[in-house]
């Protein structure tokens, strides 16, 4: 009887016997850091349509980025209705890469903050380099929706300084894409400010 009681204290059952995917991870994946930076580079080129790798909305070229994201988040998928839709493809890819960066920050706070700064700079630069005005608006909307609504903030670090830097980087994207003081920039800034609290 005592052994059974002692075992329950030493090895408690979490969540009624089923642990979530977040609970089962005890260490950072060894390839996470390199995969984050590879995904950042691939996504920047994909947004601009450069380097002969295809472009957002072509229905095919997102797959290599999505495969890299799925190494760390296997449940992330792009629905058939979204294939070939520029904004929808961008939302899924941006949300996935952002989650990878947040996962990195969970394990290594300041490294995650630096990666987030690199990521947001890449997004702004990728958007700036898009030539076609019709695609530029769709990509801007996809970036904003991907960051604001397709990101799991539960993955973010608990370190105060790193968290401030990450939120600050994320808040700056919309104002850098749409311009300071625009409705989109104010909405995004308010959303990220509320997530910090």
C-alpha atoms as a PDB file:
ATOM      1  CA  UNK A   1       0.000   0.000   0.000  1.00  0.00           C
ATOM      2  CA  UNK A   2       2.807   2.409   0.879  1.00  0.00           C
ATOM      3  CA  UNK A   3       4.661   1.580  -2.344  1.00  0.00           C
ATOM      4  CA  UNK A   4       1.649   2.343  -4.447  1.00  0.00           C
ATOM      5  CA  UNK A   5       1.126   5.659  -2.677  1.00  0.00           C
ATOM      6  CA  UNK A   6       4.834   6.558  -2.931  1.00  0.00           C
ATOM      7  CA  UNK A   7       4.829   5.714  -6.660  1.00  0.00           C
ATOM      8  CA  UNK A   8       1.889   8.058  -7.208  1.00  0.00           C
ATOM      9  CA  UNK A   9       3.827  10.908  -5.623  1.00  0.00           C
ATOM     10  CA  UNK A  10       7.008  10.151  -7.527  1.00  0.00           C
ATOM     11  CA  UNK A  11       5.310   9.437 -10.885  1.00  0.00           C
ATOM     12  CA  UNK A  12       2.056  11.432 -10.950  1.00  0.00           C
ATOM     13  CA  UNK A  13      -0.396  10.834 -13.781  1.00  0.00           C
ATOM     14  CA  UNK A  14      -0.882  14.063 -15.736  1.00  0.00           C
ATOM     15  CA  UNK A  15      -4.114  15.071 -17.421  1.00  0.00           C
ATOM     16  CA  UNK A  16      -6.013  11.916 -16.551  1.00  0.00           C
ATOM     17  CA  UNK A  17      -3.425   9.594 -18.060  1.00  0.00           C
ATOM     18  CA  UNK A  18      -2.889  11.394 -21.361  1.00  0.00           C
ATOM     19  CA  UNK A  19      -0.127  13.913 -21.727  1.00  0.00           C
ATOM     20  CA  UNK A  20      -0.231  16.567 -24.409  1.00  0.00           C
ATOM     21  CA  UNK A  21       2.484  16.965 -27.018  1.00  0.00           C
ATOM     22  CA  UNK A  22       3.826  20.007 -25.190  1.00  0.00           C
ATOM     23  CA  UNK A  23       4.196  18.044 -21.952  1.00  0.00           C
ATOM     24  CA  UNK A  24       6.063  15.174 -23.587  1.00  0.00           C
ATOM     25  CA  UNK A  25       8.928  17.365 -24.852  1.00  0.00           C
ATOM     26  CA  UNK A  26      11.630  17.516 -22.203  1.00  0.00           C
ATOM     27  CA  UNK A  27      14.480  18.842 -24.354  1.00  0.00           C
ATOM     28  CA  UNK A  28      14.910  20.932 -27.461  1.00  0.00           C
ATOM     29  CA  UNK A  29      15.105  19.050 -30.754  1.00  0.00           C
ATOM     30  CA  UNK A  30      18.771  19.004 -31.820  1.00  0.00           C
ATOM     31  CA  UNK A  31      17.997  20.407 -35.280  1.00  0.00           C
ATOM     32  CA  UNK A  32      15.575  23.135 -34.183  1.00  0.00           C
ATOM     33  CA  UNK A  33      18.019  26.057 -34.325  1.00  0.00           C
ATOM     34  CA  UNK A  34      19.406  25.177 -37.761  1.00  0.00           C
ATOM     35  CA  UNK A  35      15.898  24.400 -39.053  1.00  0.00           C
ATOM     36  CA  UNK A  36      14.661  27.806 -37.857  1.00  0.00           C
ATOM     37  CA  UNK A  37      17.321  29.662 -39.819  1.00  0.00           C
ATOM     38  CA  UNK A  38      16.851  27.431 -42.869  1.00  0.00           C
ATOM     39  CA  UNK A  39      13.100  28.078 -42.764  1.00  0.00           C
ATOM     40  CA  UNK A  40      13.690  31.830 -42.458  1.00  0.00           C
ATOM     41  CA  UNK A  41      15.916  31.855 -45.546  1.00  0.00           C
ATOM     42  CA  UNK A  42      13.581  29.613 -47.532  1.00  0.00           C
ATOM     43  CA  UNK A  43      10.496  31.653 -46.625  1.00  0.00           C
ATOM     44  CA  UNK A  44      12.095  34.972 -47.546  1.00  0.00           C
ATOM     45  CA  UNK A  45      13.040  33.632 -50.982  1.00  0.00           C
ATOM     46  CA  UNK A  46       9.598  32.030 -51.361  1.00  0.00           C
ATOM     47  CA  UNK A  47       7.753  35.269 -50.560  1.00  0.00           C
ATOM     48  CA  UNK A  48       9.725  37.237 -53.147  1.00  0.00           C
ATOM     49  CA  UNK A  49       9.650  34.491 -55.756  1.00  0.00           C
ATOM     50  CA  UNK A  50      13.409  34.635 -56.027  1.00  0.00           C
ATOM     51  CA  UNK A  51      16.157  32.095 -56.580  1.00  0.00           C
ATOM     52  CA  UNK A  52      14.017  30.005 -58.918  1.00  0.00           C
ATOM     53  CA  UNK A  53      12.293  28.236 -56.009  1.00  0.00           C
ATOM     54  CA  UNK A  54       8.762  29.260 -56.937  1.00  0.00           C
ATOM     55  CA  UNK A  55       6.629  31.819 -55.200  1.00  0.00           C
ATOM     56  CA  UNK A  56       3.806  32.130 -52.719  1.00  0.00           C
ATOM     57  CA  UNK A  57       0.517  31.113 -54.294  1.00  0.00           C
ATOM     58  CA  UNK A  58       1.865  28.771 -56.967  1.00  0.00           C
ATOM     59  CA  UNK A  59       0.429  25.773 -55.106  1.00  0.00           C
ATOM     60  CA  UNK A  60       3.645  23.737 -55.042  1.00  0.00           C
ATOM     61  CA  UNK A  61       6.723  25.551 -53.763  1.00  0.00           C
ATOM     62  CA  UNK A  62       5.532  25.919 -50.146  1.00  0.00           C
ATOM     63  CA  UNK A  63       5.922  22.153 -49.632  1.00  0.00           C
ATOM     64  CA  UNK A  64       9.644  22.197 -48.841  1.00  0.00           C
ATOM     65  CA  UNK A  65       9.087  24.846 -46.136  1.00  0.00           C
ATOM     66  CA  UNK A  66       6.055  22.995 -44.787  1.00  0.00           C
ATOM     67  CA  UNK A  67       8.063  19.746 -44.606  1.00  0.00           C
ATOM     68  CA  UNK A  68      10.714  21.525 -42.523  1.00  0.00           C
ATOM     69  CA  UNK A  69       8.036  22.923 -40.187  1.00  0.00           C
ATOM     70  CA  UNK A  70       6.392  19.504 -39.884  1.00  0.00           C
ATOM     71  CA  UNK A  71       9.624  18.074 -38.471  1.00  0.00           C
ATOM     72  CA  UNK A  72       8.763  20.017 -35.316  1.00  0.00           C
ATOM     73  CA  UNK A  73       4.975  20.455 -35.637  1.00  0.00           C
ATOM     74  CA  UNK A  74       3.704  17.336 -37.431  1.00  0.00           C
ATOM     75  CA  UNK A  75       0.038  18.340 -37.170  1.00  0.00           C
ATOM     76  CA  UNK A  76       0.474  21.494 -39.274  1.00  0.00           C
ATOM     77  CA  UNK A  77      -1.162  21.041 -42.664  1.00  0.00           C
ATOM     78  CA  UNK A  78      -2.372  23.171 -45.547  1.00  0.00           C
ATOM     79  CA  UNK A  79      -5.941  22.304 -46.550  1.00  0.00           C
ATOM     80  CA  UNK A  80      -6.762  21.570 -50.174  1.00  0.00           C
ATOM     81  CA  UNK A  81      -8.929  24.685 -50.364  1.00  0.00           C
ATOM     82  CA  UNK A  82      -5.868  26.792 -49.525  1.00  0.00           C
ATOM     83  CA  UNK A  83      -3.499  25.366 -52.145  1.00  0.00           C
ATOM     84  CA  UNK A  84      -2.860  27.980 -54.805  1.00  0.00           C
ATOM     85  CA  UNK A  85      -4.350  30.754 -52.662  1.00  0.00           C
ATOM     86  CA  UNK A  86      -1.484  33.155 -52.009  1.00  0.00           C
ATOM     87  CA  UNK A  87      -2.786  34.602 -48.748  1.00  0.00           C
ATOM     88  CA  UNK A  88      -3.770  31.219 -47.293  1.00  0.00           C
ATOM     89  CA  UNK A  89      -0.434  29.619 -48.112  1.00  0.00           C
ATOM     90  CA  UNK A  90       1.405  32.563 -46.548  1.00  0.00           C
ATOM     91  CA  UNK A  91      -0.717  32.390 -43.366  1.00  0.00           C
ATOM     92  CA  UNK A  92       0.137  28.733 -42.758  1.00  0.00           C
ATOM     93  CA  UNK A  93       3.852  29.064 -43.534  1.00  0.00           C
ATOM     94  CA  UNK A  94       4.298  32.270 -41.510  1.00  0.00           C
ATOM     95  CA  UNK A  95       2.456  30.796 -38.526  1.00  0.00           C
ATOM     96  CA  UNK A  96       4.508  27.598 -38.692  1.00  0.00           C
ATOM     97  CA  UNK A  97       7.902  29.291 -38.875  1.00  0.00           C
ATOM     98  CA  UNK A  98       6.902  31.726 -36.120  1.00  0.00           C
ATOM     99  CA  UNK A  99       5.946  28.776 -33.926  1.00  0.00           C
ATOM    100  CA  UNK A 100       9.363  27.244 -34.595  1.00  0.00           C
ATOM    101  CA  UNK A 101      11.037  30.459 -33.440  1.00  0.00           C
ATOM    102  CA  UNK A 102       8.816  30.591 -30.342  1.00  0.00           C
ATOM    103  CA  UNK A 103       9.687  26.956 -29.596  1.00  0.00           C
ATOM    104  CA  UNK A 104      13.378  27.897 -29.793  1.00  0.00           C
ATOM    105  CA  UNK A 105      12.731  30.750 -27.363  1.00  0.00           C
ATOM    106  CA  UNK A 106      11.123  28.339 -24.911  1.00  0.00           C
ATOM    107  CA  UNK A 107      14.406  26.454 -24.608  1.00  0.00           C
ATOM    108  CA  UNK A 108      16.881  29.290 -25.185  1.00  0.00           C
ATOM    109  CA  UNK A 109      15.249  32.650 -24.443  1.00  0.00           C
ATOM    110  CA  UNK A 110      17.752  35.128 -25.870  1.00  0.00           C
ATOM    111  CA  UNK A 111      18.596  32.917 -28.859  1.00  0.00           C
ATOM    112  CA  UNK A 112      14.873  32.833 -29.620  1.00  0.00           C
ATOM    113  CA  UNK A 113      14.630  36.622 -29.291  1.00  0.00           C
ATOM    114  CA  UNK A 114      17.507  37.084 -31.753  1.00  0.00           C
ATOM    115  CA  UNK A 115      15.937  34.567 -34.144  1.00  0.00           C
ATOM    116  CA  UNK A 116      12.615  36.434 -33.926  1.00  0.00           C
ATOM    117  CA  UNK A 117      14.348  39.691 -34.821  1.00  0.00           C
ATOM    118  CA  UNK A 118      15.958  37.979 -37.830  1.00  0.00           C
ATOM    119  CA  UNK A 119      12.590  36.440 -38.773  1.00  0.00           C
ATOM    120  CA  UNK A 120      10.661  39.714 -38.657  1.00  0.00           C
ATOM    121  CA  UNK A 121      13.388  41.501 -40.633  1.00  0.00           C
ATOM    122  CA  UNK A 122      13.205  38.731 -43.255  1.00  0.00           C
ATOM    123  CA  UNK A 123       9.407  39.097 -43.491  1.00  0.00           C
ATOM    124  CA  UNK A 124       9.579  42.841 -44.010  1.00  0.00           C
ATOM    125  CA  UNK A 125      12.405  42.517 -46.540  1.00  0.00           C
ATOM    126  CA  UNK A 126      10.621  39.676 -48.349  1.00  0.00           C
ATOM    127  CA  UNK A 127       7.453  41.775 -48.621  1.00  0.00           C
ATOM    128  CA  UNK A 128       9.416  44.804 -49.812  1.00  0.00           C
ATOM    129  CA  UNK A 129      10.988  42.817 -52.656  1.00  0.00           C
ATOM    130  CA  UNK A 130       7.699  41.525 -54.091  1.00  0.00           C
ATOM    131  CA  UNK A 131       7.277  43.078 -57.543  1.00  0.00           C
ATOM    132  CA  UNK A 132       3.608  42.611 -58.415  1.00  0.00           C
ATOM    133  CA  UNK A 133       1.317  44.982 -56.515  1.00  0.00           C
ATOM    134  CA  UNK A 134      -1.554  42.460 -56.572  1.00  0.00           C
ATOM    135  CA  UNK A 135       0.615  39.841 -54.832  1.00  0.00           C
ATOM    136  CA  UNK A 136       2.097  42.403 -52.454  1.00  0.00           C
ATOM    137  CA  UNK A 137      -1.267  43.085 -50.777  1.00  0.00           C
ATOM    138  CA  UNK A 138      -2.100  39.387 -50.453  1.00  0.00           C
ATOM    139  CA  UNK A 139       1.305  38.625 -48.981  1.00  0.00           C
ATOM    140  CA  UNK A 140       1.000  41.532 -46.521  1.00  0.00           C
ATOM    141  CA  UNK A 141      -2.396  40.231 -45.367  1.00  0.00           C
ATOM    142  CA  UNK A 142      -1.019  36.697 -45.099  1.00  0.00           C
ATOM    143  CA  UNK A 143       1.962  37.826 -43.030  1.00  0.00           C
ATOM    144  CA  UNK A 144      -0.253  39.792 -40.661  1.00  0.00           C
ATOM    145  CA  UNK A 145      -2.816  37.005 -40.266  1.00  0.00           C
ATOM    146  CA  UNK A 146      -0.098  34.380 -39.860  1.00  0.00           C
ATOM    147  CA  UNK A 147       1.620  36.317 -37.089  1.00  0.00           C
ATOM    148  CA  UNK A 148      -1.486  37.595 -35.322  1.00  0.00           C
ATOM    149  CA  UNK A 149      -3.847  34.620 -35.525  1.00  0.00           C
ATOM    150  CA  UNK A 150      -1.896  31.510 -36.509  1.00  0.00           C
ATOM    151  CA  UNK A 151       0.783  31.670 -33.815  1.00  0.00           C
ATOM    152  CA  UNK A 152       0.802  29.699 -30.564  1.00  0.00           C
ATOM    153  CA  UNK A 153       2.021  32.133 -27.905  1.00  0.00           C
ATOM    154  CA  UNK A 154       2.016  29.300 -25.366  1.00  0.00           C
ATOM    155  CA  UNK A 155       5.345  28.268 -26.919  1.00  0.00           C
ATOM    156  CA  UNK A 156       6.987  31.587 -26.005  1.00  0.00           C
ATOM    157  CA  UNK A 157       9.709  31.834 -23.391  1.00  0.00           C
ATOM    158  CA  UNK A 158       8.882  32.831 -19.827  1.00  0.00           C
ATOM    159  CA  UNK A 159      12.079  34.918 -19.541  1.00  0.00           C
ATOM    160  CA  UNK A 160      10.975  38.524 -19.135  1.00  0.00           C
ATOM    161  CA  UNK A 161      13.678  40.256 -21.212  1.00  0.00           C
ATOM    162  CA  UNK A 162      13.486  37.801 -24.106  1.00  0.00           C
ATOM    163  CA  UNK A 163       9.682  37.935 -24.061  1.00  0.00           C
ATOM    164  CA  UNK A 164       9.720  41.742 -24.334  1.00  0.00           C
ATOM    165  CA  UNK A 165      12.106  41.574 -27.294  1.00  0.00           C
ATOM    166  CA  UNK A 166      10.003  38.937 -29.058  1.00  0.00           C
ATOM    167  CA  UNK A 167       6.749  40.873 -28.585  1.00  0.00           C
ATOM    168  CA  UNK A 168       8.453  44.087 -29.700  1.00  0.00           C
ATOM    169  CA  UNK A 169       9.705  42.411 -32.886  1.00  0.00           C
ATOM    170  CA  UNK A 170       6.277  40.978 -33.664  1.00  0.00           C
ATOM    171  CA  UNK A 171       4.535  44.305 -32.984  1.00  0.00           C
ATOM    172  CA  UNK A 172       6.825  46.100 -35.421  1.00  0.00           C
ATOM    173  CA  UNK A 173       6.028  43.983 -38.489  1.00  0.00           C
ATOM    174  CA  UNK A 174       2.656  45.495 -39.400  1.00  0.00           C
ATOM    175  CA  UNK A 175       3.831  49.071 -38.945  1.00  0.00           C
ATOM    176  CA  UNK A 176       6.885  48.343 -41.099  1.00  0.00           C
ATOM    177  CA  UNK A 177       4.755  46.744 -43.832  1.00  0.00           C
ATOM    178  CA  UNK A 178       1.666  48.991 -43.801  1.00  0.00           C
ATOM    179  CA  UNK A 179       3.178  52.150 -42.299  1.00  0.00           C
ATOM    180  CA  UNK A 180       3.042  53.558 -38.786  1.00  0.00           C
ATOM    181  CA  UNK A 181      -0.376  54.714 -37.662  1.00  0.00           C
ATOM    182  CA  UNK A 182      -2.400  52.666 -40.153  1.00  0.00           C
ATOM    183  CA  UNK A 183      -5.392  50.639 -38.973  1.00  0.00           C
ATOM    184  CA  UNK A 184      -3.577  47.361 -39.601  1.00  0.00           C
ATOM    185  CA  UNK A 185      -0.543  48.484 -37.599  1.00  0.00           C
ATOM    186  CA  UNK A 186      -2.662  49.685 -34.661  1.00  0.00           C
ATOM    187  CA  UNK A 187      -4.702  46.461 -34.583  1.00  0.00           C
ATOM    188  CA  UNK A 188      -1.578  44.308 -34.604  1.00  0.00           C
ATOM    189  CA  UNK A 189       0.130  46.403 -31.956  1.00  0.00           C
ATOM    190  CA  UNK A 190      -2.929  46.226 -29.687  1.00  0.00           C
ATOM    191  CA  UNK A 191      -3.201  42.471 -30.212  1.00  0.00           C
ATOM    192  CA  UNK A 192       0.448  41.790 -29.321  1.00  0.00           C
ATOM    193  CA  UNK A 193       0.321  44.186 -26.370  1.00  0.00           C
ATOM    194  CA  UNK A 194      -2.660  42.266 -24.997  1.00  0.00           C
ATOM    195  CA  UNK A 195      -0.837  38.947 -25.454  1.00  0.00           C
ATOM    196  CA  UNK A 196       2.049  40.231 -23.374  1.00  0.00           C
ATOM    197  CA  UNK A 197      -0.141  40.815 -20.338  1.00  0.00           C
END
